N, C-alpha and C. Protein backbone atom coordinates (compact mmCIF):
# COMPACT_ATOMS: atom_id res chain seq x y z
N MET A 1 -11.45 18.98 -15.40
CA MET A 1 -10.65 17.83 -15.13
C MET A 1 -10.43 17.17 -16.43
N ALA A 2 -11.21 17.40 -17.51
CA ALA A 2 -11.04 16.76 -18.75
C ALA A 2 -9.75 17.15 -19.42
N ASP A 3 -9.19 18.41 -19.11
CA ASP A 3 -7.97 18.80 -19.77
C ASP A 3 -6.75 18.39 -18.95
N GLU A 4 -6.87 17.70 -17.76
CA GLU A 4 -5.74 17.34 -16.92
C GLU A 4 -5.10 16.08 -17.55
N PRO A 5 -3.83 15.96 -17.28
CA PRO A 5 -3.17 14.73 -17.67
C PRO A 5 -3.75 13.52 -16.92
N ARG A 6 -3.53 12.32 -17.37
CA ARG A 6 -4.11 11.14 -16.71
C ARG A 6 -3.53 11.01 -15.31
N GLU A 7 -2.22 11.25 -15.18
CA GLU A 7 -1.53 11.14 -13.93
C GLU A 7 -2.28 12.00 -12.78
N ASN A 8 -2.56 13.31 -13.13
CA ASN A 8 -3.26 14.16 -12.19
C ASN A 8 -4.62 13.67 -11.86
N ARG A 9 -5.38 13.11 -12.78
CA ARG A 9 -6.70 12.62 -12.51
C ARG A 9 -6.70 11.41 -11.64
N ALA A 10 -5.71 10.43 -11.88
CA ALA A 10 -5.62 9.20 -11.04
C ALA A 10 -5.14 9.64 -9.61
N THR A 11 -4.29 10.55 -9.54
CA THR A 11 -3.84 11.08 -8.15
C THR A 11 -5.00 11.70 -7.44
N ALA A 12 -5.66 12.51 -8.13
CA ALA A 12 -6.80 13.27 -7.54
C ALA A 12 -7.85 12.28 -6.97
N MET A 13 -8.05 11.15 -7.61
CA MET A 13 -9.05 10.13 -7.11
C MET A 13 -8.74 9.58 -5.79
N LEU A 14 -7.44 9.50 -5.49
CA LEU A 14 -6.96 8.84 -4.27
C LEU A 14 -6.45 9.86 -3.22
N HIS A 15 -6.26 11.17 -3.54
CA HIS A 15 -5.76 12.15 -2.60
C HIS A 15 -6.81 13.17 -2.35
N ALA A 16 -6.70 13.92 -1.25
CA ALA A 16 -7.55 14.96 -0.98
C ALA A 16 -7.01 16.10 -1.81
N SER A 17 -7.90 17.16 -1.99
CA SER A 17 -7.48 18.21 -3.00
C SER A 17 -6.24 18.90 -2.48
N ASN A 18 -5.98 19.05 -1.24
CA ASN A 18 -4.84 19.82 -0.78
C ASN A 18 -3.68 18.95 -0.41
N GLU A 19 -3.69 17.69 -0.68
CA GLU A 19 -2.70 16.66 -0.27
C GLU A 19 -1.72 16.48 -1.45
N GLN A 20 -0.39 16.62 -1.00
CA GLN A 20 0.66 16.43 -2.00
C GLN A 20 0.97 14.90 -2.13
N PRO A 21 1.47 14.44 -3.30
CA PRO A 21 1.82 13.02 -3.40
C PRO A 21 2.99 12.66 -2.47
N ALA A 22 3.10 11.45 -1.96
CA ALA A 22 4.15 11.03 -1.08
C ALA A 22 5.35 10.78 -2.05
N PRO A 23 6.57 10.89 -1.48
CA PRO A 23 7.77 10.72 -2.22
C PRO A 23 8.05 9.19 -2.37
N THR A 24 7.33 8.57 -3.23
CA THR A 24 7.44 7.10 -3.37
C THR A 24 8.68 6.60 -4.03
N ALA A 25 9.55 7.47 -4.52
CA ALA A 25 10.85 7.10 -4.99
C ALA A 25 11.66 6.43 -4.01
N ILE A 26 11.38 6.65 -2.74
CA ILE A 26 12.24 6.09 -1.66
C ILE A 26 11.79 4.55 -1.35
N LEU A 27 10.67 4.16 -1.97
CA LEU A 27 10.23 2.79 -1.71
C LEU A 27 10.79 1.81 -2.66
N SER A 28 11.16 0.68 -2.07
CA SER A 28 11.55 -0.53 -2.99
C SER A 28 10.36 -1.06 -3.64
N PRO A 29 10.54 -1.90 -4.76
CA PRO A 29 9.41 -2.44 -5.40
C PRO A 29 8.54 -3.34 -4.42
N ALA A 30 9.21 -3.96 -3.55
CA ALA A 30 8.57 -4.96 -2.59
C ALA A 30 7.77 -4.05 -1.63
N LYS A 31 8.25 -2.94 -1.23
CA LYS A 31 7.57 -2.11 -0.18
C LYS A 31 6.27 -1.53 -1.03
N ARG A 32 6.53 -1.02 -2.19
CA ARG A 32 5.41 -0.45 -3.00
C ARG A 32 4.29 -1.45 -3.18
N THR A 33 4.62 -2.71 -3.51
CA THR A 33 3.68 -3.71 -3.72
C THR A 33 2.85 -4.10 -2.47
N ALA A 34 3.69 -4.10 -1.36
CA ALA A 34 3.02 -4.42 -0.11
C ALA A 34 2.05 -3.32 0.37
N LEU A 35 2.44 -2.10 0.12
CA LEU A 35 1.45 -1.01 0.55
C LEU A 35 0.21 -0.99 -0.36
N ILE A 36 0.44 -1.25 -1.62
CA ILE A 36 -0.78 -1.35 -2.47
C ILE A 36 -1.66 -2.49 -2.02
N ALA A 37 -1.14 -3.69 -1.75
CA ALA A 37 -1.87 -4.83 -1.43
C ALA A 37 -2.61 -4.53 -0.10
N CYS A 38 -1.92 -3.85 0.86
CA CYS A 38 -2.60 -3.44 2.12
C CYS A 38 -3.69 -2.51 1.90
N LEU A 39 -3.52 -1.57 0.92
CA LEU A 39 -4.66 -0.59 0.66
C LEU A 39 -5.78 -1.29 -0.04
N LYS A 40 -5.48 -2.35 -0.93
CA LYS A 40 -6.60 -3.08 -1.55
C LYS A 40 -7.40 -3.95 -0.51
N GLY A 41 -6.68 -4.31 0.47
CA GLY A 41 -7.28 -5.09 1.52
C GLY A 41 -7.87 -4.41 2.73
N GLY A 42 -8.29 -3.15 2.41
CA GLY A 42 -8.91 -2.35 3.45
C GLY A 42 -8.04 -1.70 4.43
N GLY A 43 -6.77 -1.73 4.22
CA GLY A 43 -5.84 -1.08 5.02
C GLY A 43 -5.08 -2.02 5.98
N SER A 44 -5.27 -3.33 5.75
CA SER A 44 -4.53 -4.31 6.64
C SER A 44 -4.08 -5.52 5.92
N LEU A 45 -3.15 -6.15 6.49
CA LEU A 45 -2.61 -7.43 6.03
C LEU A 45 -2.63 -8.43 7.23
N HIS A 46 -2.84 -9.67 6.94
CA HIS A 46 -2.89 -10.71 7.97
C HIS A 46 -1.88 -11.82 7.62
N LYS A 47 -1.23 -12.23 8.76
CA LYS A 47 -0.24 -13.26 8.66
C LYS A 47 -0.97 -14.64 8.51
N ARG A 48 -0.63 -15.36 7.50
CA ARG A 48 -1.16 -16.77 7.24
C ARG A 48 -0.12 -17.63 6.82
N TYR A 49 0.02 -18.79 7.42
CA TYR A 49 1.01 -19.76 6.95
C TYR A 49 2.39 -19.17 6.74
N GLY A 50 2.81 -18.24 7.67
CA GLY A 50 4.19 -17.64 7.63
C GLY A 50 4.35 -16.49 6.64
N VAL A 51 3.30 -16.17 5.87
CA VAL A 51 3.43 -14.89 5.00
C VAL A 51 2.26 -14.00 5.31
N TRP A 52 2.42 -12.80 4.74
CA TRP A 52 1.37 -11.77 4.88
C TRP A 52 0.58 -11.62 3.67
N VAL A 53 -0.75 -11.56 3.81
CA VAL A 53 -1.70 -11.42 2.63
C VAL A 53 -2.79 -10.46 3.04
N SER A 54 -3.29 -9.88 2.05
CA SER A 54 -4.46 -8.93 2.21
C SER A 54 -5.73 -9.83 2.03
N GLU A 55 -6.79 -9.27 2.67
CA GLU A 55 -8.14 -9.90 2.52
C GLU A 55 -8.53 -10.03 1.09
N ALA A 56 -8.12 -9.05 0.27
CA ALA A 56 -8.54 -8.96 -1.10
C ALA A 56 -7.56 -9.76 -2.04
N ALA A 57 -6.62 -10.42 -1.55
CA ALA A 57 -5.61 -11.15 -2.30
C ALA A 57 -6.38 -12.20 -3.24
N GLY A 58 -5.94 -12.20 -4.47
CA GLY A 58 -6.47 -13.26 -5.44
C GLY A 58 -5.45 -14.36 -5.42
N THR A 59 -5.68 -15.40 -6.29
CA THR A 59 -4.83 -16.46 -6.41
C THR A 59 -3.52 -16.10 -7.15
N ASP A 60 -3.52 -14.98 -7.96
CA ASP A 60 -2.35 -14.61 -8.67
C ASP A 60 -1.52 -13.66 -7.84
N ASP A 61 -2.04 -13.13 -6.74
CA ASP A 61 -1.30 -12.09 -5.96
C ASP A 61 -0.18 -12.83 -5.16
N LYS A 62 0.93 -12.25 -5.10
CA LYS A 62 2.01 -12.76 -4.36
C LYS A 62 1.90 -12.34 -2.95
N PRO A 63 2.20 -13.19 -1.94
CA PRO A 63 2.27 -12.83 -0.48
C PRO A 63 3.34 -11.87 -0.27
N VAL A 64 3.20 -11.16 0.87
CA VAL A 64 4.25 -10.24 1.27
C VAL A 64 5.04 -10.82 2.28
N SER A 65 6.37 -10.67 2.11
CA SER A 65 7.30 -11.30 3.04
C SER A 65 7.32 -10.65 4.45
N GLY A 66 7.69 -11.36 5.50
CA GLY A 66 7.71 -10.80 6.80
C GLY A 66 8.77 -9.74 6.94
N MET A 67 9.85 -9.81 6.22
CA MET A 67 10.96 -8.78 6.15
C MET A 67 10.37 -7.52 5.71
N THR A 68 9.62 -7.54 4.63
CA THR A 68 9.02 -6.28 4.07
C THR A 68 8.06 -5.64 5.06
N VAL A 69 7.25 -6.48 5.68
CA VAL A 69 6.24 -5.94 6.71
C VAL A 69 6.99 -5.33 7.91
N ALA A 70 8.18 -5.95 8.35
CA ALA A 70 9.02 -5.45 9.36
C ALA A 70 9.64 -4.14 9.01
N ASP A 71 10.11 -4.06 7.75
CA ASP A 71 10.74 -2.78 7.25
C ASP A 71 9.69 -1.58 7.20
N LEU A 72 8.53 -1.96 6.68
CA LEU A 72 7.54 -0.90 6.67
C LEU A 72 7.02 -0.52 8.08
N SER A 73 7.09 -1.35 9.02
CA SER A 73 6.77 -1.05 10.40
C SER A 73 7.87 -0.11 10.91
N ARG A 74 9.08 -0.45 10.69
CA ARG A 74 10.14 0.50 11.13
C ARG A 74 10.15 1.81 10.48
N ASP A 75 9.63 1.83 9.22
CA ASP A 75 9.57 3.09 8.48
C ASP A 75 8.32 3.90 8.98
N GLY A 76 7.50 3.33 9.87
CA GLY A 76 6.34 4.04 10.33
C GLY A 76 5.12 4.01 9.43
N MET A 77 5.09 3.04 8.52
CA MET A 77 4.05 2.95 7.57
C MET A 77 2.97 1.83 7.98
N LEU A 78 3.47 0.93 8.84
CA LEU A 78 2.48 -0.17 9.25
C LEU A 78 2.64 -0.22 10.79
N THR A 79 1.48 -0.59 11.41
CA THR A 79 1.46 -0.96 12.87
C THR A 79 1.13 -2.50 12.90
N ILE A 80 1.93 -3.26 13.55
CA ILE A 80 1.78 -4.69 13.70
C ILE A 80 1.07 -4.96 15.08
N THR A 81 0.08 -5.73 14.97
CA THR A 81 -0.65 -6.20 16.11
C THR A 81 -0.57 -7.78 16.26
N MET A 82 -0.22 -8.23 17.51
CA MET A 82 -0.09 -9.68 17.67
C MET A 82 -1.26 -10.06 18.75
N LEU A 83 -2.00 -10.97 18.49
CA LEU A 83 -3.01 -11.56 19.40
C LEU A 83 -2.86 -13.00 19.43
N GLY A 84 -2.18 -13.51 20.37
CA GLY A 84 -1.82 -14.92 20.48
C GLY A 84 -0.98 -15.35 19.29
N LYS A 85 -1.52 -16.28 18.43
CA LYS A 85 -0.73 -16.66 17.20
C LYS A 85 -1.23 -15.86 16.01
N SER A 86 -2.17 -15.00 16.11
CA SER A 86 -2.65 -14.20 14.97
C SER A 86 -1.87 -12.90 14.98
N ALA A 87 -1.56 -12.45 13.76
CA ALA A 87 -0.89 -11.18 13.56
C ALA A 87 -1.56 -10.38 12.45
N SER A 88 -1.61 -9.13 12.61
CA SER A 88 -2.18 -8.23 11.54
C SER A 88 -1.38 -7.01 11.46
N ALA A 89 -1.35 -6.40 10.31
CA ALA A 89 -0.62 -5.16 10.14
C ALA A 89 -1.53 -4.15 9.54
N GLN A 90 -1.66 -2.94 10.14
CA GLN A 90 -2.50 -1.84 9.56
C GLN A 90 -1.70 -0.76 9.04
N LEU A 91 -2.17 -0.05 8.03
CA LEU A 91 -1.61 1.10 7.52
C LEU A 91 -1.69 2.15 8.63
N THR A 92 -0.58 2.97 8.81
CA THR A 92 -0.56 4.17 9.52
C THR A 92 -1.09 5.32 8.65
N THR A 93 -1.19 6.53 9.27
CA THR A 93 -1.49 7.72 8.36
C THR A 93 -0.44 7.89 7.30
N ARG A 94 0.79 7.74 7.75
CA ARG A 94 1.90 7.94 6.79
C ARG A 94 1.91 6.81 5.69
N GLY A 95 1.72 5.57 6.15
CA GLY A 95 1.64 4.50 5.20
C GLY A 95 0.45 4.58 4.21
N SER A 96 -0.68 5.08 4.69
CA SER A 96 -1.83 5.27 3.87
C SER A 96 -1.52 6.31 2.83
N TRP A 97 -0.81 7.38 3.17
CA TRP A 97 -0.36 8.46 2.20
C TRP A 97 0.43 7.85 1.12
N PHE A 98 1.52 7.09 1.52
CA PHE A 98 2.33 6.40 0.56
C PHE A 98 1.55 5.39 -0.28
N ALA A 99 0.74 4.58 0.27
CA ALA A 99 -0.04 3.56 -0.41
C ALA A 99 -0.94 4.30 -1.45
N ARG A 100 -1.60 5.29 -1.10
CA ARG A 100 -2.48 5.95 -2.08
C ARG A 100 -1.73 6.58 -3.24
N THR A 101 -0.56 7.19 -2.95
CA THR A 101 0.27 7.69 -4.00
C THR A 101 0.83 6.62 -4.91
N ALA A 102 1.28 5.47 -4.37
CA ALA A 102 1.75 4.36 -5.15
C ALA A 102 0.66 3.69 -5.98
N ALA A 103 -0.55 3.69 -5.50
CA ALA A 103 -1.68 3.11 -6.17
C ALA A 103 -1.98 3.96 -7.37
N ALA A 104 -2.00 5.31 -7.14
CA ALA A 104 -2.34 6.28 -8.17
C ALA A 104 -1.27 6.20 -9.33
N GLU A 105 0.01 6.14 -8.87
CA GLU A 105 1.13 6.02 -9.90
C GLU A 105 0.92 4.65 -10.67
N SER A 106 0.61 3.59 -9.96
CA SER A 106 0.41 2.37 -10.62
C SER A 106 -0.83 2.39 -11.64
N ALA A 107 -1.86 3.10 -11.29
CA ALA A 107 -2.99 3.23 -12.12
C ALA A 107 -2.63 4.01 -13.43
N VAL A 108 -1.73 5.01 -13.28
CA VAL A 108 -1.31 5.80 -14.37
C VAL A 108 -0.50 4.87 -15.32
N VAL A 109 0.33 4.06 -14.74
CA VAL A 109 1.23 3.11 -15.61
C VAL A 109 0.25 2.16 -16.35
N MET A 110 -0.73 1.72 -15.66
CA MET A 110 -1.70 0.69 -16.30
C MET A 110 -2.46 1.33 -17.41
N THR A 111 -2.84 2.57 -17.32
CA THR A 111 -3.66 3.20 -18.29
C THR A 111 -2.90 3.88 -19.43
N ALA A 112 -1.63 3.96 -19.23
CA ALA A 112 -0.76 4.73 -20.28
C ALA A 112 -0.53 3.71 -21.56
């Protein structure tokens, strides 16, 4: 692994050995950011004060818009659950695949 490019090492940390990277080029920047936030938050987002946030969100992290969450749900990447006035969104298997790939690509950009 020492001879592999950084991109391959970062992707390998987030993907199973036989898993191909997701085609993240189809994601808008907002969708990419939302999926990574969801991944960082343990696979879920929660609606608070009209916006969606991950449990791991820091003060510098931007909230995710409801439109982006709805789009990701229509794309089959998030499942939305409503309980009374509470709402949460969880990554689907497909969404997790895209989120892991986007996070690996983001890690490569940060280390480059």
